[in-house]
N, C-alpha and C. Protein backbone atom coordinates (compact mmCIF):
# COMPACT_ATOMS: atom_id res chain seq x y z
N UNK A 1 -66.98 -40.52 -21.26
CA UNK A 1 -65.59 -40.41 -21.19
C UNK A 1 -65.22 -38.98 -20.95
N UNK A 2 -64.29 -38.81 -20.12
CA UNK A 2 -63.89 -37.45 -19.73
C UNK A 2 -62.77 -36.98 -20.62
N UNK A 3 -62.81 -35.71 -20.89
CA UNK A 3 -61.77 -35.14 -21.77
C UNK A 3 -60.54 -34.77 -20.96
N UNK A 4 -59.40 -35.01 -21.58
CA UNK A 4 -58.19 -34.65 -20.82
C UNK A 4 -58.05 -33.12 -20.72
N UNK A 5 -57.41 -32.74 -19.64
CA UNK A 5 -57.14 -31.29 -19.45
C UNK A 5 -56.10 -30.84 -20.46
N UNK A 6 -55.88 -29.62 -20.45
CA UNK A 6 -54.91 -29.07 -21.38
C UNK A 6 -53.50 -29.38 -20.94
N UNK A 7 -53.39 -30.10 -19.82
CA UNK A 7 -52.06 -30.44 -19.34
C UNK A 7 -51.54 -31.64 -20.09
N UNK A 8 -50.32 -31.92 -19.93
CA UNK A 8 -49.71 -33.07 -20.60
C UNK A 8 -49.93 -34.35 -19.82
N UNK A 9 -50.42 -34.23 -18.63
CA UNK A 9 -50.61 -35.41 -17.80
C UNK A 9 -52.04 -35.91 -17.92
N UNK A 10 -52.18 -37.06 -17.52
CA UNK A 10 -53.52 -37.66 -17.56
C UNK A 10 -54.38 -37.04 -16.48
N UNK A 11 -55.67 -36.97 -16.73
CA UNK A 11 -56.54 -36.35 -15.74
C UNK A 11 -56.57 -37.16 -14.47
N UNK A 12 -56.60 -36.38 -13.38
CA UNK A 12 -56.69 -36.99 -12.09
C UNK A 12 -55.34 -37.28 -11.48
N UNK A 13 -54.32 -37.20 -12.19
CA UNK A 13 -52.97 -37.41 -11.67
C UNK A 13 -52.31 -36.07 -11.44
N UNK A 14 -51.84 -35.78 -10.32
CA UNK A 14 -51.14 -34.51 -10.06
C UNK A 14 -49.70 -34.82 -9.72
N UNK A 15 -48.81 -34.38 -10.56
CA UNK A 15 -47.39 -34.58 -10.31
C UNK A 15 -46.80 -33.31 -9.74
N UNK A 16 -45.71 -33.43 -9.00
CA UNK A 16 -45.04 -32.28 -8.39
C UNK A 16 -44.05 -31.71 -9.42
N UNK A 17 -43.85 -30.41 -9.35
CA UNK A 17 -42.89 -29.74 -10.23
C UNK A 17 -41.52 -30.33 -10.01
N UNK A 18 -40.76 -30.75 -11.07
CA UNK A 18 -39.52 -31.52 -10.91
C UNK A 18 -38.49 -30.87 -10.00
N UNK A 19 -38.25 -29.56 -10.04
CA UNK A 19 -37.22 -29.05 -9.13
C UNK A 19 -37.61 -29.20 -7.66
N UNK A 20 -38.88 -29.40 -7.39
CA UNK A 20 -39.31 -29.55 -6.00
C UNK A 20 -39.37 -31.01 -5.55
N UNK A 21 -38.98 -31.91 -6.41
CA UNK A 21 -38.99 -33.32 -6.04
C UNK A 21 -37.75 -33.63 -5.20
N UNK A 22 -37.91 -34.27 -4.08
CA UNK A 22 -36.79 -34.52 -3.18
C UNK A 22 -35.69 -35.37 -3.81
N UNK A 23 -35.96 -36.21 -4.73
CA UNK A 23 -34.91 -37.04 -5.33
C UNK A 23 -33.99 -36.22 -6.24
N UNK A 24 -34.40 -35.01 -6.63
CA UNK A 24 -33.58 -34.17 -7.50
C UNK A 24 -32.73 -33.16 -6.71
N UNK A 25 -32.87 -33.09 -5.40
CA UNK A 25 -32.15 -32.08 -4.61
C UNK A 25 -30.64 -32.23 -4.71
N UNK A 26 -30.12 -33.42 -4.65
CA UNK A 26 -28.67 -33.64 -4.64
C UNK A 26 -28.05 -33.14 -5.95
N UNK A 27 -28.63 -33.53 -7.07
CA UNK A 27 -28.07 -33.10 -8.35
C UNK A 27 -28.20 -31.58 -8.52
N UNK A 28 -29.30 -31.05 -8.01
CA UNK A 28 -29.48 -29.59 -8.11
C UNK A 28 -28.43 -28.86 -7.28
N UNK A 29 -28.11 -29.36 -6.11
CA UNK A 29 -27.07 -28.73 -5.27
C UNK A 29 -25.70 -28.84 -5.93
N UNK A 30 -25.41 -29.97 -6.56
CA UNK A 30 -24.13 -30.11 -7.26
C UNK A 30 -24.05 -29.10 -8.39
N UNK A 31 -25.10 -29.03 -9.19
CA UNK A 31 -25.10 -28.07 -10.30
C UNK A 31 -25.06 -26.63 -9.79
N UNK A 32 -25.73 -26.37 -8.68
CA UNK A 32 -25.67 -25.03 -8.09
C UNK A 32 -24.24 -24.69 -7.67
N UNK A 33 -23.57 -25.63 -7.03
CA UNK A 33 -22.17 -25.41 -6.61
C UNK A 33 -21.26 -25.20 -7.80
N UNK A 34 -21.41 -26.10 -8.82
CA UNK A 34 -20.58 -25.95 -10.02
C UNK A 34 -20.84 -24.62 -10.71
N UNK A 35 -22.07 -24.26 -10.86
CA UNK A 35 -22.43 -23.00 -11.52
C UNK A 35 -21.90 -21.81 -10.72
N UNK A 36 -22.04 -21.89 -9.38
CA UNK A 36 -21.55 -20.79 -8.55
C UNK A 36 -20.04 -20.64 -8.67
N UNK A 37 -19.32 -21.78 -8.60
CA UNK A 37 -17.86 -21.73 -8.71
C UNK A 37 -17.47 -21.22 -10.08
N UNK A 38 -18.10 -21.73 -11.13
CA UNK A 38 -17.78 -21.28 -12.49
C UNK A 38 -18.08 -19.79 -12.66
N UNK A 39 -19.22 -19.35 -12.18
CA UNK A 39 -19.58 -17.93 -12.25
C UNK A 39 -18.62 -17.08 -11.43
N UNK A 40 -18.22 -17.57 -10.25
CA UNK A 40 -17.26 -16.85 -9.41
C UNK A 40 -15.93 -16.72 -10.12
N UNK A 41 -15.44 -17.81 -10.73
CA UNK A 41 -14.16 -17.78 -11.44
C UNK A 41 -14.24 -16.82 -12.62
N UNK A 42 -15.32 -16.91 -13.39
CA UNK A 42 -15.48 -16.01 -14.54
C UNK A 42 -15.51 -14.56 -14.06
N UNK A 43 -16.25 -14.29 -13.02
CA UNK A 43 -16.33 -12.91 -12.50
C UNK A 43 -14.98 -12.45 -11.95
N UNK A 44 -14.31 -13.33 -11.18
CA UNK A 44 -13.06 -12.94 -10.54
C UNK A 44 -11.92 -12.80 -11.54
N UNK A 45 -11.89 -13.68 -12.55
CA UNK A 45 -10.78 -13.68 -13.48
C UNK A 45 -11.01 -12.81 -14.71
N UNK A 46 -12.25 -12.61 -15.14
CA UNK A 46 -12.50 -11.90 -16.40
C UNK A 46 -13.25 -10.60 -16.17
N UNK A 47 -14.42 -10.66 -15.60
CA UNK A 47 -15.30 -9.49 -15.54
C UNK A 47 -14.79 -8.44 -14.55
N UNK A 48 -14.49 -8.85 -13.33
CA UNK A 48 -14.07 -7.88 -12.32
C UNK A 48 -12.74 -7.19 -12.66
N UNK A 49 -11.74 -7.92 -13.21
CA UNK A 49 -10.52 -7.21 -13.62
C UNK A 49 -10.79 -6.17 -14.71
N UNK A 50 -11.70 -6.51 -15.64
CA UNK A 50 -12.03 -5.54 -16.69
C UNK A 50 -12.71 -4.31 -16.09
N UNK A 51 -13.66 -4.55 -15.21
CA UNK A 51 -14.36 -3.43 -14.56
C UNK A 51 -13.35 -2.61 -13.74
N UNK A 52 -12.47 -3.32 -13.01
CA UNK A 52 -11.44 -2.62 -12.21
C UNK A 52 -10.51 -1.82 -13.11
N UNK A 53 -10.13 -2.39 -14.27
CA UNK A 53 -9.26 -1.67 -15.20
C UNK A 53 -9.97 -0.44 -15.75
N UNK A 54 -11.27 -0.59 -16.04
CA UNK A 54 -12.03 0.55 -16.55
C UNK A 54 -12.12 1.64 -15.49
N UNK A 55 -12.39 1.23 -14.26
CA UNK A 55 -12.48 2.21 -13.16
C UNK A 55 -11.13 2.88 -12.94
N UNK A 56 -10.05 2.11 -12.96
CA UNK A 56 -8.71 2.67 -12.79
C UNK A 56 -8.35 3.61 -13.94
N UNK A 57 -8.73 3.20 -15.17
CA UNK A 57 -8.47 4.06 -16.32
C UNK A 57 -9.23 5.37 -16.19
N UNK A 58 -10.47 5.29 -15.74
CA UNK A 58 -11.26 6.51 -15.55
C UNK A 58 -10.65 7.38 -14.46
N UNK A 59 -10.23 6.76 -13.35
CA UNK A 59 -9.63 7.52 -12.27
C UNK A 59 -8.34 8.20 -12.73
N UNK A 60 -7.50 7.43 -13.45
CA UNK A 60 -6.25 8.04 -13.92
C UNK A 60 -6.53 9.13 -14.97
N UNK A 61 -7.56 8.91 -15.80
CA UNK A 61 -7.91 9.94 -16.78
C UNK A 61 -8.44 11.19 -16.09
N UNK A 62 -9.26 10.99 -15.06
CA UNK A 62 -9.77 12.14 -14.30
C UNK A 62 -8.63 12.88 -13.63
N UNK A 63 -7.70 12.12 -13.03
CA UNK A 63 -6.55 12.75 -12.38
C UNK A 63 -5.70 13.51 -13.39
N UNK A 64 -5.47 12.89 -14.56
CA UNK A 64 -4.68 13.57 -15.58
C UNK A 64 -5.42 14.79 -16.13
N UNK A 65 -6.76 14.67 -16.25
CA UNK A 65 -7.54 15.84 -16.69
C UNK A 65 -7.48 16.96 -15.67
N UNK A 66 -7.54 16.60 -14.38
CA UNK A 66 -7.43 17.61 -13.33
C UNK A 66 -6.04 18.24 -13.35
N UNK A 67 -5.01 17.42 -13.52
CA UNK A 67 -3.65 17.95 -13.61
C UNK A 67 -3.51 18.85 -14.84
N UNK A 68 -4.07 18.42 -15.95
CA UNK A 68 -4.02 19.22 -17.18
C UNK A 68 -4.77 20.53 -16.98
N UNK A 69 -5.92 20.48 -16.31
CA UNK A 69 -6.69 21.69 -16.04
C UNK A 69 -5.88 22.63 -15.15
N UNK A 70 -5.20 22.08 -14.15
CA UNK A 70 -4.33 22.92 -13.30
C UNK A 70 -3.20 23.54 -14.09
N UNK A 71 -2.59 22.73 -14.98
CA UNK A 71 -1.50 23.26 -15.81
C UNK A 71 -2.03 24.34 -16.74
N UNK A 72 -3.19 24.09 -17.35
CA UNK A 72 -3.77 25.08 -18.25
C UNK A 72 -4.15 26.35 -17.50
N UNK A 73 -4.64 26.17 -16.26
CA UNK A 73 -4.98 27.34 -15.45
C UNK A 73 -3.72 28.16 -15.16
N UNK A 74 -2.63 27.48 -14.77
CA UNK A 74 -1.39 28.22 -14.50
C UNK A 74 -0.85 28.85 -15.79
N UNK A 75 -1.00 28.14 -16.92
CA UNK A 75 -0.59 28.72 -18.20
C UNK A 75 -1.43 29.95 -18.52
N UNK A 76 -2.74 29.85 -18.26
CA UNK A 76 -3.63 30.98 -18.52
C UNK A 76 -3.28 32.16 -17.61
N UNK A 77 -2.98 31.87 -16.35
CA UNK A 77 -2.58 32.93 -15.44
C UNK A 77 -1.27 33.56 -15.89
N UNK A 78 -0.32 32.73 -16.33
CA UNK A 78 0.95 33.25 -16.83
C UNK A 78 0.72 34.08 -18.09
N UNK A 79 -0.15 33.60 -18.97
CA UNK A 79 -0.46 34.35 -20.19
C UNK A 79 -1.12 35.68 -19.84
N UNK A 80 -2.01 35.64 -18.86
CA UNK A 80 -2.68 36.88 -18.43
C UNK A 80 -1.67 37.85 -17.84
N UNK A 81 -0.76 37.34 -17.04
CA UNK A 81 0.28 38.21 -16.47
C UNK A 81 1.16 38.77 -17.58
N UNK A 82 1.52 37.93 -18.55
CA UNK A 82 2.33 38.41 -19.68
C UNK A 82 1.56 39.44 -20.49
N UNK A 83 0.26 39.20 -20.67
CA UNK A 83 -0.58 40.16 -21.39
C UNK A 83 -0.63 41.49 -20.66
N UNK A 84 -0.85 41.43 -19.34
CA UNK A 84 -0.91 42.66 -18.57
C UNK A 84 0.43 43.39 -18.59
N UNK A 85 1.52 42.63 -18.54
CA UNK A 85 2.85 43.22 -18.61
C UNK A 85 3.08 43.86 -19.98
N UNK A 86 2.68 43.15 -21.03
CA UNK A 86 2.82 43.70 -22.38
C UNK A 86 1.95 44.94 -22.55
N UNK A 87 0.75 44.89 -21.96
CA UNK A 87 -0.14 46.04 -22.04
C UNK A 87 0.46 47.23 -21.31
N UNK A 88 1.03 46.99 -20.13
CA UNK A 88 1.68 48.08 -19.39
C UNK A 88 2.87 48.62 -20.17
N UNK A 89 3.65 47.73 -20.78
CA UNK A 89 4.79 48.17 -21.59
C UNK A 89 4.31 48.98 -22.79
N UNK A 90 3.22 48.53 -23.41
CA UNK A 90 2.68 49.26 -24.57
C UNK A 90 2.19 50.64 -24.14
N UNK A 91 1.54 50.70 -22.98
CA UNK A 91 1.08 52.00 -22.48
C UNK A 91 2.27 52.91 -22.21
N UNK A 92 3.31 52.35 -21.59
CA UNK A 92 4.51 53.15 -21.31
C UNK A 92 5.14 53.63 -22.62
N UNK A 93 5.20 52.74 -23.63
CA UNK A 93 5.75 53.13 -24.94
C UNK A 93 4.89 54.22 -25.56
N UNK A 94 3.57 54.07 -25.44
CA UNK A 94 2.67 55.07 -26.01
C UNK A 94 2.87 56.42 -25.33
N UNK A 95 3.02 56.40 -24.00
CA UNK A 95 3.27 57.66 -23.28
C UNK A 95 4.62 58.25 -23.69
N UNK A 96 5.62 57.37 -23.85
CA UNK A 96 6.94 57.85 -24.26
C UNK A 96 6.88 58.44 -25.67
N UNK A 97 6.17 57.75 -26.57
CA UNK A 97 6.05 58.26 -27.94
C UNK A 97 5.29 59.58 -27.94
N UNK A 98 4.23 59.66 -27.13
CA UNK A 98 3.45 60.90 -27.05
C UNK A 98 4.32 62.03 -26.49
N UNK A 99 5.11 61.74 -25.46
CA UNK A 99 5.99 62.76 -24.88
C UNK A 99 7.05 63.18 -25.90
N UNK A 100 7.59 62.20 -26.61
CA UNK A 100 8.60 62.50 -27.63
C UNK A 100 8.00 63.36 -28.74
N UNK A 101 6.79 62.99 -29.16
CA UNK A 101 6.12 63.75 -30.21
C UNK A 101 5.81 65.16 -29.72
N UNK A 102 5.36 65.27 -28.46
CA UNK A 102 5.06 66.58 -27.89
C UNK A 102 6.32 67.44 -27.86
N UNK A 103 7.44 66.83 -27.42
CA UNK A 103 8.70 67.57 -27.39
C UNK A 103 9.12 67.99 -28.80
N UNK A 104 8.95 67.08 -29.75
CA UNK A 104 9.32 67.38 -31.13
C UNK A 104 8.47 68.53 -31.67
N UNK A 105 7.15 68.45 -31.41
CA UNK A 105 6.26 69.52 -31.89
C UNK A 105 6.55 70.83 -31.17
N UNK A 106 6.86 70.76 -29.87
CA UNK A 106 7.24 71.98 -29.14
C UNK A 106 8.51 72.58 -29.72
N UNK A 107 9.48 71.72 -30.04
CA UNK A 107 10.73 72.21 -30.63
C UNK A 107 10.47 72.84 -32.00
N UNK A 108 9.63 72.17 -32.81
CA UNK A 108 9.31 72.74 -34.13
C UNK A 108 8.58 74.06 -33.98
N UNK A 109 7.66 74.14 -33.01
CA UNK A 109 6.92 75.39 -32.79
C UNK A 109 7.88 76.49 -32.33
N UNK A 110 8.80 76.13 -31.43
CA UNK A 110 9.79 77.11 -30.96
C UNK A 110 10.68 77.56 -32.11
N UNK A 111 11.06 76.62 -32.97
CA UNK A 111 11.89 76.96 -34.12
C UNK A 111 11.14 77.90 -35.07
N UNK A 112 9.86 77.58 -35.32
CA UNK A 112 9.05 78.46 -36.18
C UNK A 112 8.88 79.83 -35.54
N UNK A 113 8.64 79.83 -34.22
CA UNK A 113 8.47 81.10 -33.52
C UNK A 113 9.76 81.92 -33.60
N UNK A 114 10.90 81.25 -33.41
CA UNK A 114 12.19 81.95 -33.51
C UNK A 114 12.42 82.49 -34.92
N UNK A 115 12.05 81.68 -35.93
CA UNK A 115 12.21 82.14 -37.31
C UNK A 115 11.32 83.35 -37.57
N UNK A 116 10.09 83.30 -37.08
CA UNK A 116 9.17 84.44 -37.26
C UNK A 116 9.70 85.66 -36.51
N UNK A 117 10.22 85.44 -35.28
CA UNK A 117 10.78 86.55 -34.52
C UNK A 117 11.98 87.15 -35.25
N UNK A 118 12.85 86.29 -35.82
CA UNK A 118 14.00 86.81 -36.57
C UNK A 118 13.53 87.63 -37.77
N UNK A 119 12.51 87.08 -38.47
CA UNK A 119 11.98 87.80 -39.63
C UNK A 119 11.38 89.13 -39.20
N UNK A 120 10.60 89.09 -38.10
CA UNK A 120 10.00 90.34 -37.61
C UNK A 120 11.07 91.32 -37.14
N UNK A 121 12.11 90.81 -36.48
CA UNK A 121 13.22 91.69 -36.05
C UNK A 121 13.93 92.29 -37.25
N UNK A 122 14.10 91.45 -38.29
CA UNK A 122 14.75 91.97 -39.51
C UNK A 122 13.87 93.04 -40.14
N UNK A 123 12.55 92.82 -40.21
CA UNK A 123 11.64 93.82 -40.76
C UNK A 123 11.63 95.08 -39.90
N UNK A 124 11.66 94.87 -38.56
CA UNK A 124 11.68 96.02 -37.65
C UNK A 124 12.96 96.82 -37.84
N UNK A 125 14.09 96.12 -37.97
CA UNK A 125 15.36 96.81 -38.19
C UNK A 125 15.33 97.55 -39.51
N UNK A 126 14.76 96.91 -40.56
CA UNK A 126 14.67 97.58 -41.86
C UNK A 126 13.75 98.81 -41.76
N UNK A 127 12.66 98.66 -41.01
CA UNK A 127 11.74 99.78 -40.84
C UNK A 127 12.42 100.90 -40.06
N UNK A 128 13.16 100.52 -39.01
CA UNK A 128 13.89 101.55 -38.24
C UNK A 128 14.92 102.25 -39.10
N UNK A 129 15.62 101.47 -39.96
CA UNK A 129 16.60 102.09 -40.88
C UNK A 129 15.89 103.04 -41.83
N UNK A 130 14.73 102.56 -42.35
CA UNK A 130 13.98 103.42 -43.28
C UNK A 130 13.52 104.69 -42.57
N UNK A 131 13.06 104.53 -41.32
CA UNK A 131 12.63 105.70 -40.55
C UNK A 131 13.82 106.61 -40.29
N UNK A 132 14.97 105.99 -39.94
CA UNK A 132 16.18 106.78 -39.70
C UNK A 132 16.60 107.54 -40.95
N UNK A 133 16.54 106.84 -42.09
CA UNK A 133 16.91 107.51 -43.35
C UNK A 133 15.93 108.63 -43.67
N UNK A 134 14.63 108.34 -43.45
CA UNK A 134 13.62 109.38 -43.69
C UNK A 134 13.84 110.55 -42.75
N UNK A 135 14.17 110.22 -41.50
CA UNK A 135 14.43 111.28 -40.52
C UNK A 135 15.65 112.09 -40.92
N UNK A 136 16.70 111.36 -41.38
CA UNK A 136 17.92 112.07 -41.81
C UNK A 136 17.62 112.98 -43.00
N UNK A 137 16.83 112.44 -43.98
CA UNK A 137 16.46 113.29 -45.13
C UNK A 137 15.61 114.47 -44.67
N UNK A 138 14.72 114.14 -43.71
CA UNK A 138 13.87 115.22 -43.21
C UNK A 138 14.72 116.26 -42.48
N UNK A 139 15.69 115.78 -41.72
CA UNK A 139 16.56 116.72 -41.00
C UNK A 139 17.38 117.56 -41.97
N UNK A 140 17.80 116.93 -43.06
CA UNK A 140 18.54 117.71 -44.07
C UNK A 140 17.61 118.76 -44.65
N UNK A 141 16.39 118.33 -44.92
CA UNK A 141 15.42 119.29 -45.46
C UNK A 141 15.11 120.36 -44.44
N UNK A 142 14.98 119.94 -43.18
CA UNK A 142 14.72 120.91 -42.11
C UNK A 142 15.89 121.89 -42.00
N UNK A 143 17.10 121.38 -42.09
CA UNK A 143 18.30 122.24 -42.01
C UNK A 143 18.29 123.24 -43.13
N UNK A 144 17.98 122.74 -44.33
CA UNK A 144 17.96 123.65 -45.48
C UNK A 144 16.86 124.69 -45.32
N UNK A 145 15.68 124.21 -44.84
CA UNK A 145 14.56 125.15 -44.63
C UNK A 145 14.93 126.13 -43.53
N UNK A 146 15.60 125.60 -42.44
CA UNK A 146 15.99 126.48 -41.33
C UNK A 146 17.01 127.52 -41.79
N UNK A 147 17.94 127.09 -42.64
CA UNK A 147 18.95 128.04 -43.15
C UNK A 147 18.25 129.10 -43.99
N UNK A 148 17.34 128.70 -44.85
CA UNK A 148 16.63 129.67 -45.71
C UNK A 148 15.75 130.59 -44.88
N UNK A 149 15.06 129.97 -43.87
CA UNK A 149 14.17 130.78 -43.03
C UNK A 149 14.98 131.78 -42.21
N UNK A 150 16.11 131.30 -41.66
CA UNK A 150 16.95 132.20 -40.85
C UNK A 150 17.49 133.34 -41.72
N UNK A 151 17.92 133.02 -42.91
CA UNK A 151 18.46 134.06 -43.81
C UNK A 151 17.36 135.04 -44.16
N UNK A 152 16.13 134.55 -44.39
CA UNK A 152 15.01 135.44 -44.74
C UNK A 152 14.63 136.31 -43.56
N UNK A 153 14.64 135.75 -42.36
CA UNK A 153 14.28 136.52 -41.16
C UNK A 153 15.32 137.61 -40.91
N UNK A 154 16.61 137.25 -40.99
CA UNK A 154 17.67 138.24 -40.75
C UNK A 154 17.61 139.31 -41.84
N UNK A 155 17.33 138.93 -43.05
CA UNK A 155 17.26 139.90 -44.14
C UNK A 155 16.08 140.83 -43.93
N UNK A 156 15.03 140.37 -43.47
CA UNK A 156 13.86 141.20 -43.25
C UNK A 156 14.07 142.13 -42.07
N UNK A 157 14.70 141.58 -41.03
CA UNK A 157 14.89 142.41 -39.85
C UNK A 157 15.99 143.46 -40.07
N UNK A 158 17.01 143.10 -40.74
CA UNK A 158 18.14 144.02 -40.92
C UNK A 158 18.06 144.75 -42.24
N UNK A 159 17.37 144.23 -43.11
CA UNK A 159 17.25 144.87 -44.42
C UNK A 159 18.33 144.42 -45.36
N UNK A 160 19.34 143.71 -44.94
CA UNK A 160 20.39 143.22 -45.84
C UNK A 160 20.52 141.72 -45.65
N UNK A 161 20.88 141.01 -46.68
CA UNK A 161 21.00 139.54 -46.63
C UNK A 161 22.30 139.18 -45.91
N UNK A 162 22.25 138.26 -44.95
CA UNK A 162 23.46 137.86 -44.24
C UNK A 162 24.31 136.92 -45.11
N UNK A 163 25.52 136.71 -44.69
CA UNK A 163 26.41 135.79 -45.42
C UNK A 163 25.96 134.35 -45.17
N UNK A 164 25.92 133.58 -46.22
CA UNK A 164 25.38 132.22 -46.11
C UNK A 164 26.19 131.35 -45.16
N UNK A 165 27.54 131.36 -45.15
CA UNK A 165 28.29 130.52 -44.21
C UNK A 165 27.99 130.87 -42.75
N UNK A 166 27.72 132.09 -42.43
CA UNK A 166 27.42 132.48 -41.05
C UNK A 166 26.06 131.93 -40.65
N UNK A 167 25.08 132.00 -41.56
CA UNK A 167 23.74 131.48 -41.27
C UNK A 167 23.81 129.97 -41.08
N UNK A 168 24.56 129.24 -41.94
CA UNK A 168 24.68 127.77 -41.85
C UNK A 168 25.34 127.42 -40.51
N UNK A 169 26.37 128.15 -40.09
CA UNK A 169 27.07 127.87 -38.83
C UNK A 169 26.13 128.08 -37.67
N UNK A 170 25.35 129.14 -37.70
CA UNK A 170 24.41 129.41 -36.61
C UNK A 170 23.32 128.35 -36.52
N UNK A 171 22.77 127.94 -37.66
CA UNK A 171 21.72 126.90 -37.67
C UNK A 171 22.30 125.58 -37.18
N UNK A 172 23.51 125.18 -37.58
CA UNK A 172 24.14 123.94 -37.16
C UNK A 172 24.38 123.97 -35.64
N UNK A 173 24.76 125.09 -35.11
CA UNK A 173 25.00 125.20 -33.68
C UNK A 173 23.70 125.00 -32.92
N UNK A 174 22.62 125.55 -33.38
CA UNK A 174 21.32 125.41 -32.71
C UNK A 174 20.82 123.96 -32.85
N UNK A 175 20.99 123.36 -34.00
CA UNK A 175 20.49 121.98 -34.21
C UNK A 175 21.27 120.94 -33.39
N UNK A 176 22.49 121.18 -33.07
CA UNK A 176 23.30 120.24 -32.30
C UNK A 176 22.88 120.16 -30.85
N UNK A 177 22.23 121.19 -30.34
CA UNK A 177 21.83 121.21 -28.94
C UNK A 177 20.72 120.30 -28.75
C-alpha cells in the first residue's frame, strides 16, 4: 500500500488550483469588478480627499510661512534701519554732548584764567604801588641826603654854611629836571 503524499488530495489525482479553474472565472470577474468599484469609491470619496486636504493644508502652510518670513524679513530690515537711525542719533547726541562739555570746560578754563590774570594784575598793581612808595620814600631820602650833601659841599667850599631854604630850593630845582 502506498502512503499518501503530504497533500490533502489522494495520491495520483492532480487537481488544478481553484482560481485557475474555468468554471470560477465568471464569479471571479464579478468580485473583481465589485472590489474595484468599491475600492475606487473608497479612494475617491475618502482617501483622496484627505490626501488632497493634507496637500492643500501643507501648501497653504508653506505659503503662509513664506509670507510670514517675508514679513519678518521686512520687519527685521525696518528694525535694522531704526537701529542704524537710533545709532546715528546717539552718535550725534554724543558729539553734541562732547562739544557742549568742551565749550563748558573751555569757558571754565577761560574764567579761571581771567580770575588768575585779575589776581596777578592786582598783585602787580600792589607791587607797583609798593615800588612807587619805596621810590617816593627813597626820593625823599635822596632829597634829604642831597640837601645835606649840598649844604656840606657849599660849606666846605665857601667856608660858611649856606641858608637852608636856599639849599632846599636849589636841590628841588635840580630834581625837577
